Structure formats: structure tokens, C-alpha cells
């Protein structure tokens, strides 16, 4: 189990967190357990704390997905939604659930399943695994 403790700032505006080494890569913990993705440092924790006035939370997701090609991340389950980022090929991302949206056709595959990531939505057509991007069929949003 991974435990992250957030320590409130002192009155001087500085965090009481000691310096910590960066954890690089992806920590994927057994099936069904939360996955914490991306680098985590004391600076990351402090930045998150500063950004929301001290009510910081570390975003975790119960599943991980991997795109086989670089894919756009959208604010909703269709190409008509704003692009909010992208995920490079073979870079795991935390995922919560899947939902039906716009039908996408690419590389001989057709699917209307979109997976909700921490950052937004990606079409399952671009993800490795089954028709749900390797999420369980029961993991609907």
C-alpha cells in the first residue's frame, strides 16, 4: 500500500515536508488496486497544496491503460470536445471507467467506447487491450 501524507504549511509560507527523492515511472499495484502515475516529489505535493489552498489530493485511478499510438485527450467522449492534452504511445495512464460516445474508426478498428482518464477522455480504439481499453466490461461511468 502506498500512503502519501500531506503536511500543512507553516506560517512562514514554507512547507514542513523534508526533501524527498523523485519516484519515476509507473507504480501499478495489483488488479483492481489504485494506480498512482507520474513522478511524485515533495515539490509536487507542495505545489498541489499551494494550488488549492491546502486541500490537496493526489489523483489516483483504479485501472491503467496504454495507448499504442500518441492519442489526443478530450474533455468529453467525442472529437467535438476540446482537446485538453495528449498521451504518448506506450505511456500508461490512470483510468476510471468507460462510456459510449462518438464512434471512431482507425487502423481497421471501429468502436464507440471512450475511457475516462484523470486528464479527460480517450477513444478505446487507440488503447491496447480489449474493446474497453483493457478495463473490465463492468467499469462503466
Foldseek 3Di string as FASTA:
>chain_A
DDDDDAADDDPVLDGPDDWDDWDADWDDDDQQQKTQDGIDTPVVSVVQCVVVVRPGDRDIARDKWFFQAKWFFFQAQDPVGDGQGIDGHGHIFGWQAKDFADWDDDPRDIARIWIQTPRHITQCVRIPDDNNRPDDPPRHD
